[in-house]
Amino acid sequence: MHEHLRVNETATPNSTLFSAAFGKALKNKRTALNLSQEELGFRSGLDRTYISGIERGTRNPTLLIANRIAEALAIPLSVLIAEAEKPMQEGGASAV
């Protein structure tokens, strides 16, 4: 019999690292565009505190939310994901 896994039951080390890396990539793109968290929140229809949580790696956005953020930054979501993957490919936790 197969065990049923519950989504988000526990975070794996890789998912935690990816959340932190995604948050860092988001912050880098946002600051490069000279946008405040508040302005990005306004553009994406999200609260500033939610943006802050993503950037700190404590919030894990859905793909739909991540795509809304990417659209607000005027970049493809794949760019944010690729930026988040770089440190993980280059050495994991020490690179984040």
PDB file of N, CA and C in Angstrom:
ATOM      1  N   MET A   1       0.825  -1.164   0.000  1.00  0.00           N
ATOM      2  CA  MET A   1       0.000   0.000   0.000  1.00  0.00           C
ATOM      3  C   MET A   1       0.880   1.243   0.000  1.00  0.00           C
ATOM      4  N   HIS A   2       0.479   2.262  -0.750  1.00  0.00           N
ATOM      5  CA  HIS A   2       1.246   3.491  -0.849  1.00  0.00           C
ATOM      6  C   HIS A   2       0.878   4.448   0.272  1.00  0.00           C
ATOM      7  N   GLU A   3       1.903   5.055   0.821  1.00  0.00           N
ATOM      8  CA  GLU A   3       1.643   6.095   1.809  1.00  0.00           C
ATOM      9  C   GLU A   3       1.230   7.364   1.081  1.00  0.00           C
ATOM     10  N   HIS A   4       0.304   8.087   1.633  1.00  0.00           N
ATOM     11  CA  HIS A   4      -0.104   9.357   1.051  1.00  0.00           C
ATOM     12  C   HIS A   4       0.676  10.467   1.735  1.00  0.00           C
ATOM     13  N   LEU A   5       1.372  11.261   0.928  1.00  0.00           N
ATOM     14  CA  LEU A   5       2.145  12.357   1.467  1.00  0.00           C
ATOM     15  C   LEU A   5       1.296  13.616   1.508  1.00  0.00           C
ATOM     16  N   ARG A   6       1.411  14.325   2.563  1.00  0.00           N
ATOM     17  CA  ARG A   6       0.698  15.589   2.689  1.00  0.00           C
ATOM     18  C   ARG A   6       1.608  16.713   2.228  1.00  0.00           C
ATOM     19  N   VAL A   7       1.080  17.560   1.388  1.00  0.00           N
ATOM     20  CA  VAL A   7       1.840  18.700   0.916  1.00  0.00           C
ATOM     21  C   VAL A   7       2.097  19.626   2.092  1.00  0.00           C
ATOM     22  N   ASN A   8       3.323  20.146   2.186  1.00  0.00           N
ATOM     23  CA  ASN A   8       3.746  21.086   3.222  1.00  0.00           C
ATOM     24  C   ASN A   8       3.713  20.489   4.630  1.00  0.00           C
ATOM     25  N   GLU A   9       3.682  19.164   4.748  1.00  0.00           N
ATOM     26  CA  GLU A   9       3.686  18.568   6.082  1.00  0.00           C
ATOM     27  C   GLU A   9       4.986  18.921   6.805  1.00  0.00           C
ATOM     28  N   THR A  10       6.099  18.749   6.111  1.00  0.00           N
ATOM     29  CA  THR A  10       7.391  19.172   6.639  1.00  0.00           C
ATOM     30  C   THR A  10       8.222  19.696   5.481  1.00  0.00           C
ATOM     31  N   ALA A  11       9.005  20.698   5.761  1.00  0.00           N
ATOM     32  CA  ALA A  11       9.874  21.256   4.733  1.00  0.00           C
ATOM     33  C   ALA A  11      11.144  20.420   4.661  1.00  0.00           C
ATOM     34  N   THR A  12      11.565  20.108   3.459  1.00  0.00           N
ATOM     35  CA  THR A  12      12.819  19.402   3.266  1.00  0.00           C
ATOM     36  C   THR A  12      13.943  20.430   3.237  1.00  0.00           C
ATOM     37  N   PRO A  13      15.170  20.007   3.495  1.00  0.00           N
ATOM     38  CA  PRO A  13      16.282  20.968   3.425  1.00  0.00           C
ATOM     39  C   PRO A  13      16.361  21.676   2.072  1.00  0.00           C
ATOM     40  N   ASN A  14      16.150  20.944   0.988  1.00  0.00           N
ATOM     41  CA  ASN A  14      16.214  21.576  -0.332  1.00  0.00           C
ATOM     42  C   ASN A  14      15.086  22.571  -0.546  1.00  0.00           C
ATOM     43  N   SER A  15      13.891  22.286  -0.060  1.00  0.00           N
ATOM     44  CA  SER A  15      12.801  23.236  -0.240  1.00  0.00           C
ATOM     45  C   SER A  15      13.044  24.493   0.580  1.00  0.00           C
ATOM     46  N   THR A  16      13.629  24.342   1.759  1.00  0.00           N
ATOM     47  CA  THR A  16      13.962  25.497   2.588  1.00  0.00           C
ATOM     48  C   THR A  16      15.044  26.331   1.914  1.00  0.00           C
ATOM     49  N   LEU A  17      16.054  25.676   1.366  1.00  0.00           N
ATOM     50  CA  LEU A  17      17.111  26.387   0.650  1.00  0.00           C
ATOM     51  C   LEU A  17      16.552  27.097  -0.572  1.00  0.00           C
ATOM     52  N   PHE A  18      15.650  26.439  -1.290  1.00  0.00           N
ATOM     53  CA  PHE A  18      15.088  27.071  -2.481  1.00  0.00           C
ATOM     54  C   PHE A  18      14.242  28.279  -2.103  1.00  0.00           C
ATOM     55  N   SER A  19      13.465  28.194  -1.030  1.00  0.00           N
ATOM     56  CA  SER A  19      12.670  29.340  -0.590  1.00  0.00           C
ATOM     57  C   SER A  19      13.564  30.531  -0.286  1.00  0.00           C
ATOM     58  N   ALA A  20      14.671  30.287   0.395  1.00  0.00           N
ATOM     59  CA  ALA A  20      15.609  31.365   0.706  1.00  0.00           C
ATOM     60  C   ALA A  20      16.250  31.914  -0.567  1.00  0.00           C
ATOM     61  N   ALA A  21      16.621  31.031  -1.485  1.00  0.00           N
ATOM     62  CA  ALA A  21      17.246  31.463  -2.737  1.00  0.00           C
ATOM     63  C   ALA A  21      16.259  32.230  -3.613  1.00  0.00           C
ATOM     64  N   PHE A  22      15.003  31.784  -3.633  1.00  0.00           N
ATOM     65  CA  PHE A  22      13.984  32.489  -4.409  1.00  0.00           C
ATOM     66  C   PHE A  22      13.764  33.882  -3.819  1.00  0.00           C
ATOM     67  N   GLY A  23      13.710  33.961  -2.509  1.00  0.00           N
ATOM     68  CA  GLY A  23      13.539  35.252  -1.848  1.00  0.00           C
ATOM     69  C   GLY A  23      14.680  36.205  -2.149  1.00  0.00           C
ATOM     70  N   LYS A  24      15.888  35.684  -2.142  1.00  0.00           N
ATOM     71  CA  LYS A  24      17.054  36.513  -2.447  1.00  0.00           C
ATOM     72  C   LYS A  24      17.012  36.979  -3.896  1.00  0.00           C
ATOM     73  N   ALA A  25      16.634  36.094  -4.816  1.00  0.00           N
ATOM     74  CA  ALA A  25      16.525  36.469  -6.232  1.00  0.00           C
ATOM     75  C   ALA A  25      15.462  37.548  -6.413  1.00  0.00           C
ATOM     76  N   LEU A  26      14.342  37.395  -5.719  1.00  0.00           N
ATOM     77  CA  LEU A  26      13.274  38.391  -5.788  1.00  0.00           C
ATOM     78  C   LEU A  26      13.775  39.740  -5.278  1.00  0.00           C
ATOM     79  N   LYS A  27      14.424  39.735  -4.134  1.00  0.00           N
ATOM     80  CA  LYS A  27      14.925  40.990  -3.568  1.00  0.00           C
ATOM     81  C   LYS A  27      15.935  41.647  -4.507  1.00  0.00           C
ATOM     82  N   ASN A  28      16.834  40.851  -5.085  1.00  0.00           N
ATOM     83  CA  ASN A  28      17.829  41.394  -6.011  1.00  0.00           C
ATOM     84  C   ASN A  28      17.168  42.059  -7.212  1.00  0.00           C
ATOM     85  N   LYS A  29      16.155  41.411  -7.785  1.00  0.00           N
ATOM     86  CA  LYS A  29      15.456  41.988  -8.943  1.00  0.00           C
ATOM     87  C   LYS A  29      14.685  43.235  -8.542  1.00  0.00           C
ATOM     88  N   ARG A  30      14.020  43.170  -7.405  1.00  0.00           N
ATOM     89  CA  ARG A  30      13.230  44.315  -6.944  1.00  0.00           C
ATOM     90  C   ARG A  30      14.120  45.529  -6.696  1.00  0.00           C
ATOM     91  N   THR A  31      15.226  45.323  -5.988  1.00  0.00           N
ATOM     92  CA  THR A  31      16.098  46.455  -5.682  1.00  0.00           C
ATOM     93  C   THR A  31      16.815  46.970  -6.929  1.00  0.00           C
ATOM     94  N   ALA A  32      17.113  46.088  -7.871  1.00  0.00           N
ATOM     95  CA  ALA A  32      17.724  46.533  -9.129  1.00  0.00           C
ATOM     96  C   ALA A  32      16.796  47.474  -9.898  1.00  0.00           C
ATOM     97  N   LEU A  33      15.499  47.291  -9.700  1.00  0.00           N
ATOM     98  CA  LEU A  33      14.501  48.153 -10.348  1.00  0.00           C
ATOM     99  C   LEU A  33      14.124  49.349  -9.465  1.00  0.00           C
ATOM    100  N   ASN A  34      14.811  49.506  -8.333  1.00  0.00           N
ATOM    101  CA  ASN A  34      14.534  50.586  -7.379  1.00  0.00           C
ATOM    102  C   ASN A  34      13.079  50.604  -6.915  1.00  0.00           C
ATOM    103  N   LEU A  35      12.546  49.410  -6.669  1.00  0.00           N
ATOM    104  CA  LEU A  35      11.178  49.290  -6.163  1.00  0.00           C
ATOM    105  C   LEU A  35      11.211  48.966  -4.678  1.00  0.00           C
ATOM    106  N   SER A  36      10.344  49.585  -3.922  1.00  0.00           N
ATOM    107  CA  SER A  36      10.177  49.214  -2.521  1.00  0.00           C
ATOM    108  C   SER A  36       9.293  47.970  -2.463  1.00  0.00           C
ATOM    109  N   GLN A  37       9.299  47.322  -1.318  1.00  0.00           N
ATOM    110  CA  GLN A  37       8.393  46.193  -1.122  1.00  0.00           C
ATOM    111  C   GLN A  37       6.958  46.664  -1.248  1.00  0.00           C
ATOM    112  N   GLU A  38       6.696  47.851  -0.757  1.00  0.00           N
ATOM    113  CA  GLU A  38       5.348  48.399  -0.830  1.00  0.00           C
ATOM    114  C   GLU A  38       4.908  48.603  -2.285  1.00  0.00           C
ATOM    115  N   GLU A  39       5.791  49.147  -3.112  1.00  0.00           N
ATOM    116  CA  GLU A  39       5.448  49.374  -4.520  1.00  0.00           C
ATOM    117  C   GLU A  39       5.258  48.042  -5.249  1.00  0.00           C
ATOM    118  N   LEU A  40       6.117  47.078  -4.975  1.00  0.00           N
ATOM    119  CA  LEU A  40       5.953  45.766  -5.601  1.00  0.00           C
ATOM    120  C   LEU A  40       4.643  45.130  -5.150  1.00  0.00           C
ATOM    121  N   GLY A  41       4.324  45.279  -3.884  1.00  0.00           N
ATOM    122  CA  GLY A  41       3.058  44.769  -3.382  1.00  0.00           C
ATOM    123  C   GLY A  41       1.877  45.410  -4.091  1.00  0.00           C
ATOM    124  N   PHE A  42       1.938  46.717  -4.267  1.00  0.00           N
ATOM    125  CA  PHE A  42       0.872  47.434  -4.972  1.00  0.00           C
ATOM    126  C   PHE A  42       0.740  46.931  -6.407  1.00  0.00           C
ATOM    127  N   ARG A  43       1.870  46.799  -7.102  1.00  0.00           N
ATOM    128  CA  ARG A  43       1.848  46.354  -8.503  1.00  0.00           C
ATOM    129  C   ARG A  43       1.346  44.920  -8.663  1.00  0.00           C
ATOM    130  N   SER A  44       1.625  44.086  -7.676  1.00  0.00           N
ATOM    131  CA  SER A  44       1.242  42.676  -7.772  1.00  0.00           C
ATOM    132  C   SER A  44      -0.072  42.358  -7.065  1.00  0.00           C
ATOM    133  N   GLY A  45      -0.618  43.341  -6.331  1.00  0.00           N
ATOM    134  CA  GLY A  45      -1.846  43.112  -5.590  1.00  0.00           C
ATOM    135  C   GLY A  45      -1.636  42.305  -4.326  1.00  0.00           C
ATOM    136  N   LEU A  46      -0.429  42.361  -3.778  1.00  0.00           N
ATOM    137  CA  LEU A  46      -0.091  41.614  -2.568  1.00  0.00           C
ATOM    138  C   LEU A  46       0.306  42.590  -1.465  1.00  0.00           C
ATOM    139  N   ASP A  47       0.212  42.143  -0.234  1.00  0.00           N
ATOM    140  CA  ASP A  47       0.602  42.975   0.892  1.00  0.00           C
ATOM    141  C   ASP A  47       2.122  43.043   0.997  1.00  0.00           C
ATOM    142  N   ARG A  48       2.621  44.179   1.436  1.00  0.00           N
ATOM    143  CA  ARG A  48       4.062  44.382   1.594  1.00  0.00           C
ATOM    144  C   ARG A  48       4.665  43.337   2.532  1.00  0.00           C
ATOM    145  N   THR A  49       3.935  42.981   3.580  1.00  0.00           N
ATOM    146  CA  THR A  49       4.461  42.009   4.535  1.00  0.00           C
ATOM    147  C   THR A  49       4.593  40.620   3.905  1.00  0.00           C
ATOM    148  N   TYR A  50       3.723  40.312   2.927  1.00  0.00           N
ATOM    149  CA  TYR A  50       3.833  39.029   2.225  1.00  0.00           C
ATOM    150  C   TYR A  50       5.095  39.020   1.355  1.00  0.00           C
ATOM    151  N   ILE A  51       5.346  40.149   0.662  1.00  0.00           N
ATOM    152  CA  ILE A  51       6.564  40.278  -0.149  1.00  0.00           C
ATOM    153  C   ILE A  51       7.787  40.114   0.755  1.00  0.00           C
ATOM    154  N   SER A  52       7.767  40.760   1.913  1.00  0.00           N
ATOM    155  CA  SER A  52       8.860  40.660   2.869  1.00  0.00           C
ATOM    156  C   SER A  52       9.093  39.203   3.296  1.00  0.00           C
ATOM    157  N   GLY A  53       8.013  38.502   3.568  1.00  0.00           N
ATOM    158  CA  GLY A  53       8.126  37.097   3.972  1.00  0.00           C
ATOM    159  C   GLY A  53       8.742  36.226   2.890  1.00  0.00           C
ATOM    160  N   ILE A  54       8.381  36.490   1.650  1.00  0.00           N
ATOM    161  CA  ILE A  54       8.973  35.734   0.534  1.00  0.00           C
ATOM    162  C   ILE A  54      10.465  36.031   0.463  1.00  0.00           C
ATOM    163  N   GLU A  55      10.819  37.316   0.535  1.00  0.00           N
ATOM    164  CA  GLU A  55      12.226  37.697   0.443  1.00  0.00           C
ATOM    165  C   GLU A  55      13.054  37.120   1.581  1.00  0.00           C
ATOM    166  N   ARG A  56      12.474  36.960   2.761  1.00  0.00           N
ATOM    167  CA  ARG A  56      13.187  36.372   3.900  1.00  0.00           C
ATOM    168  C   ARG A  56      13.189  34.849   3.851  1.00  0.00           C
ATOM    169  N   GLY A  57      12.448  34.266   2.926  1.00  0.00           N
ATOM    170  CA  GLY A  57      12.393  32.812   2.815  1.00  0.00           C
ATOM    171  C   GLY A  57      11.451  32.160   3.793  1.00  0.00           C
ATOM    172  N   THR A  58      10.604  32.966   4.456  1.00  0.00           N
ATOM    173  CA  THR A  58       9.662  32.404   5.417  1.00  0.00           C
ATOM    174  C   THR A  58       8.291  32.145   4.808  1.00  0.00           C
ATOM    175  N   ARG A  59       8.033  32.693   3.635  1.00  0.00           N
ATOM    176  CA  ARG A  59       6.781  32.446   2.912  1.00  0.00           C
ATOM    177  C   ARG A  59       7.125  31.725   1.617  1.00  0.00           C
ATOM    178  N   ASN A  60       6.292  30.794   1.246  1.00  0.00           N
ATOM    179  CA  ASN A  60       6.504  29.997   0.037  1.00  0.00           C
ATOM    180  C   ASN A  60       5.330  30.255  -0.906  1.00  0.00           C
ATOM    181  N   PRO A  61       5.508  31.157  -1.888  1.00  0.00           N
ATOM    182  CA  PRO A  61       4.377  31.507  -2.744  1.00  0.00           C
ATOM    183  C   PRO A  61       3.995  30.375  -3.690  1.00  0.00           C
ATOM    184  N   THR A  62       2.724  30.339  -4.052  1.00  0.00           N
ATOM    185  CA  THR A  62       2.288  29.401  -5.084  1.00  0.00           C
ATOM    186  C   THR A  62       2.851  29.867  -6.424  1.00  0.00           C
ATOM    187  N   LEU A  63       2.764  29.027  -7.411  1.00  0.00           N
ATOM    188  CA  LEU A  63       3.211  29.424  -8.755  1.00  0.00           C
ATOM    189  C   LEU A  63       2.416  30.608  -9.276  1.00  0.00           C
ATOM    190  N   LEU A  64       1.121  30.639  -8.993  1.00  0.00           N
ATOM    191  CA  LEU A  64       0.297  31.752  -9.462  1.00  0.00           C
ATOM    192  C   LEU A  64       0.733  33.063  -8.819  1.00  0.00           C
ATOM    193  N   ILE A  65       1.017  33.041  -7.528  1.00  0.00           N
ATOM    194  CA  ILE A  65       1.480  34.243  -6.836  1.00  0.00           C
ATOM    195  C   ILE A  65       2.863  34.637  -7.342  1.00  0.00           C
ATOM    196  N   ALA A  66       3.752  33.671  -7.483  1.00  0.00           N
ATOM    197  CA  ALA A  66       5.096  33.963  -7.988  1.00  0.00           C
ATOM    198  C   ALA A  66       5.013  34.575  -9.387  1.00  0.00           C
ATOM    199  N   ASN A  67       4.093  34.088 -10.204  1.00  0.00           N
ATOM    200  CA  ASN A  67       3.935  34.636 -11.544  1.00  0.00           C
ATOM    201  C   ASN A  67       3.400  36.070 -11.498  1.00  0.00           C
ATOM    202  N   ARG A  68       2.481  36.354 -10.567  1.00  0.00           N
ATOM    203  CA  ARG A  68       1.989  37.731 -10.401  1.00  0.00           C
ATOM    204  C   ARG A  68       3.127  38.671 -10.029  1.00  0.00           C
ATOM    205  N   ILE A  69       4.016  38.204  -9.174  1.00  0.00           N
ATOM    206  CA  ILE A  69       5.162  39.016  -8.780  1.00  0.00           C
ATOM    207  C   ILE A  69       6.085  39.246  -9.969  1.00  0.00           C
ATOM    208  N   ALA A  70       6.358  38.189 -10.723  1.00  0.00           N
ATOM    209  CA  ALA A  70       7.215  38.325 -11.905  1.00  0.00           C
ATOM    210  C   ALA A  70       6.601  39.301 -12.907  1.00  0.00           C
ATOM    211  N   GLU A  71       5.304  39.211 -13.116  1.00  0.00           N
ATOM    212  CA  GLU A  71       4.636  40.146 -14.019  1.00  0.00           C
ATOM    213  C   GLU A  71       4.770  41.570 -13.513  1.00  0.00           C
ATOM    214  N   ALA A  72       4.674  41.776 -12.201  1.00  0.00           N
ATOM    215  CA  ALA A  72       4.819  43.109 -11.622  1.00  0.00           C
ATOM    216  C   ALA A  72       6.241  43.643 -11.809  1.00  0.00           C
ATOM    217  N   LEU A  73       7.206  42.737 -11.887  1.00  0.00           N
ATOM    218  CA  LEU A  73       8.594  43.109 -12.140  1.00  0.00           C
ATOM    219  C   LEU A  73       8.891  43.212 -13.640  1.00  0.00           C
ATOM    220  N   ALA A  74       7.918  42.830 -14.461  1.00  0.00           N
ATOM    221  CA  ALA A  74       8.045  42.832 -15.930  1.00  0.00           C
ATOM    222  C   ALA A  74       9.139  41.889 -16.421  1.00  0.00           C
ATOM    223  N   ILE A  75       9.201  40.713 -15.766  1.00  0.00           N
ATOM    224  CA  ILE A  75      10.131  39.672 -16.191  1.00  0.00           C
ATOM    225  C   ILE A  75       9.391  38.338 -16.190  1.00  0.00           C
ATOM    226  N   PRO A  76       9.884  37.367 -16.972  1.00  0.00           N
ATOM    227  CA  PRO A  76       9.274  36.036 -16.921  1.00  0.00           C
ATOM    228  C   PRO A  76       9.575  35.355 -15.575  1.00  0.00           C
ATOM    229  N   LEU A  77       8.645  34.566 -15.100  1.00  0.00           N
ATOM    230  CA  LEU A  77       8.852  33.824 -13.859  1.00  0.00           C
ATOM    231  C   LEU A  77      10.097  32.949 -13.961  1.00  0.00           C
ATOM    232  N   SER A  78      10.358  32.431 -15.142  1.00  0.00           N
ATOM    233  CA  SER A  78      11.527  31.563 -15.336  1.00  0.00           C
ATOM    234  C   SER A  78      12.831  32.266 -14.978  1.00  0.00           C
ATOM    235  N   VAL A  79      12.888  33.588 -15.121  1.00  0.00           N
ATOM    236  CA  VAL A  79      14.091  34.342 -14.756  1.00  0.00           C
ATOM    237  C   VAL A  79      14.309  34.280 -13.246  1.00  0.00           C
ATOM    238  N   LEU A  80      13.246  34.494 -12.486  1.00  0.00           N
ATOM    239  CA  LEU A  80      13.370  34.406 -11.028  1.00  0.00           C
ATOM    240  C   LEU A  80      13.761  32.997 -10.587  1.00  0.00           C
ATOM    241  N   ILE A  81      13.153  32.009 -11.200  1.00  0.00           N
ATOM    242  CA  ILE A  81      13.461  30.627 -10.835  1.00  0.00           C
ATOM    243  C   ILE A  81      14.907  30.288 -11.178  1.00  0.00           C
ATOM    244  N   ALA A  82      15.362  30.707 -12.353  1.00  0.00           N
ATOM    245  CA  ALA A  82      16.751  30.447 -12.751  1.00  0.00           C
ATOM    246  C   ALA A  82      17.726  31.115 -11.791  1.00  0.00           C
ATOM    247  N   GLU A  83      17.422  32.341 -11.374  1.00  0.00           N
ATOM    248  CA  GLU A  83      18.275  33.041 -10.406  1.00  0.00           C
ATOM    249  C   GLU A  83      18.295  32.318  -9.066  1.00  0.00           C
ATOM    250  N   ALA A  84      17.157  31.770  -8.668  1.00  0.00           N
ATOM    251  CA  ALA A  84      17.087  31.033  -7.404  1.00  0.00           C
ATOM    252  C   ALA A  84      17.843  29.713  -7.483  1.00  0.00           C
ATOM    253  N   GLU A  85      17.885  29.109  -8.656  1.00  0.00           N
ATOM    254  CA  GLU A  85      18.568  27.828  -8.811  1.00  0.00           C
ATOM    255  C   GLU A  85      20.085  27.965  -8.822  1.00  0.00           C
ATOM    256  N   LYS A  86      20.599  29.114  -9.240  1.00  0.00           N
ATOM    257  CA  LYS A  86      22.054  29.288  -9.353  1.00  0.00           C
ATOM    258  C   LYS A  86      22.807  28.962  -8.077  1.00  0.00           C
ATOM    259  N   PRO A  87      22.463  29.579  -6.941  1.00  0.00           N
ATOM    260  CA  PRO A  87      23.233  29.267  -5.728  1.00  0.00           C
ATOM    261  C   PRO A  87      23.108  27.810  -5.309  1.00  0.00           C
ATOM    262  N   MET A  88      21.983  27.198  -5.583  1.00  0.00           N
ATOM    263  CA  MET A  88      21.797  25.796  -5.216  1.00  0.00           C
ATOM    264  C   MET A  88      22.698  24.912  -6.062  1.00  0.00           C
ATOM    265  N   GLN A  89      22.892  25.286  -7.324  1.00  0.00           N
ATOM    266  CA  GLN A  89      23.755  24.508  -8.208  1.00  0.00           C
ATOM    267  C   GLN A  89      25.229  24.767  -7.927  1.00  0.00           C
ATOM    268  N   GLU A  90      25.511  25.943  -7.346  1.00  0.00           N
ATOM    269  CA  GLU A  90      26.889  26.338  -7.094  1.00  0.00           C
ATOM    270  C   GLU A  90      27.394  25.940  -5.718  1.00  0.00           C
ATOM    271  N   GLY A  91      26.551  25.347  -4.903  1.00  0.00           N
ATOM    272  CA  GLY A  91      27.064  24.916  -3.613  1.00  0.00           C
ATOM    273  C   GLY A  91      26.071  24.922  -2.473  1.00  0.00           C
ATOM    274  N   GLY A  92      24.793  25.087  -2.783  1.00  0.00           N
ATOM    275  CA  GLY A  92      23.782  24.945  -1.748  1.00  0.00           C
ATOM    276  C   GLY A  92      23.765  26.036  -0.710  1.00  0.00           C
ATOM    277  N   ALA A  93      23.719  25.641   0.539  1.00  0.00           N
ATOM    278  CA  ALA A  93      23.468  26.573   1.651  1.00  0.00           C
ATOM    279  C   ALA A  93      24.530  27.659   1.752  1.00  0.00           C
ATOM    280  N   SER A  94      25.775  27.339   1.497  1.00  0.00           N
ATOM    281  CA  SER A  94      26.805  28.354   1.652  1.00  0.00           C
ATOM    282  C   SER A  94      26.680  29.453   0.620  1.00  0.00           C
ATOM    283  N   ALA A  95      26.055  29.163  -0.517  1.00  0.00           N
ATOM    284  CA  ALA A  95      25.923  30.157  -1.576  1.00  0.00           C
ATOM    285  C   ALA A  95      24.699  31.044  -1.394  1.00  0.00           C
ATOM    286  N   VAL A  96      23.735  30.633  -0.552  1.00  0.00           N
ATOM    287  CA  VAL A  96      22.508  31.416  -0.367  1.00  0.00           C
ATOM    288  C   VAL A  96      22.722  32.489   0.581  1.00  0.00           C
TER     289      VAL A  96
END
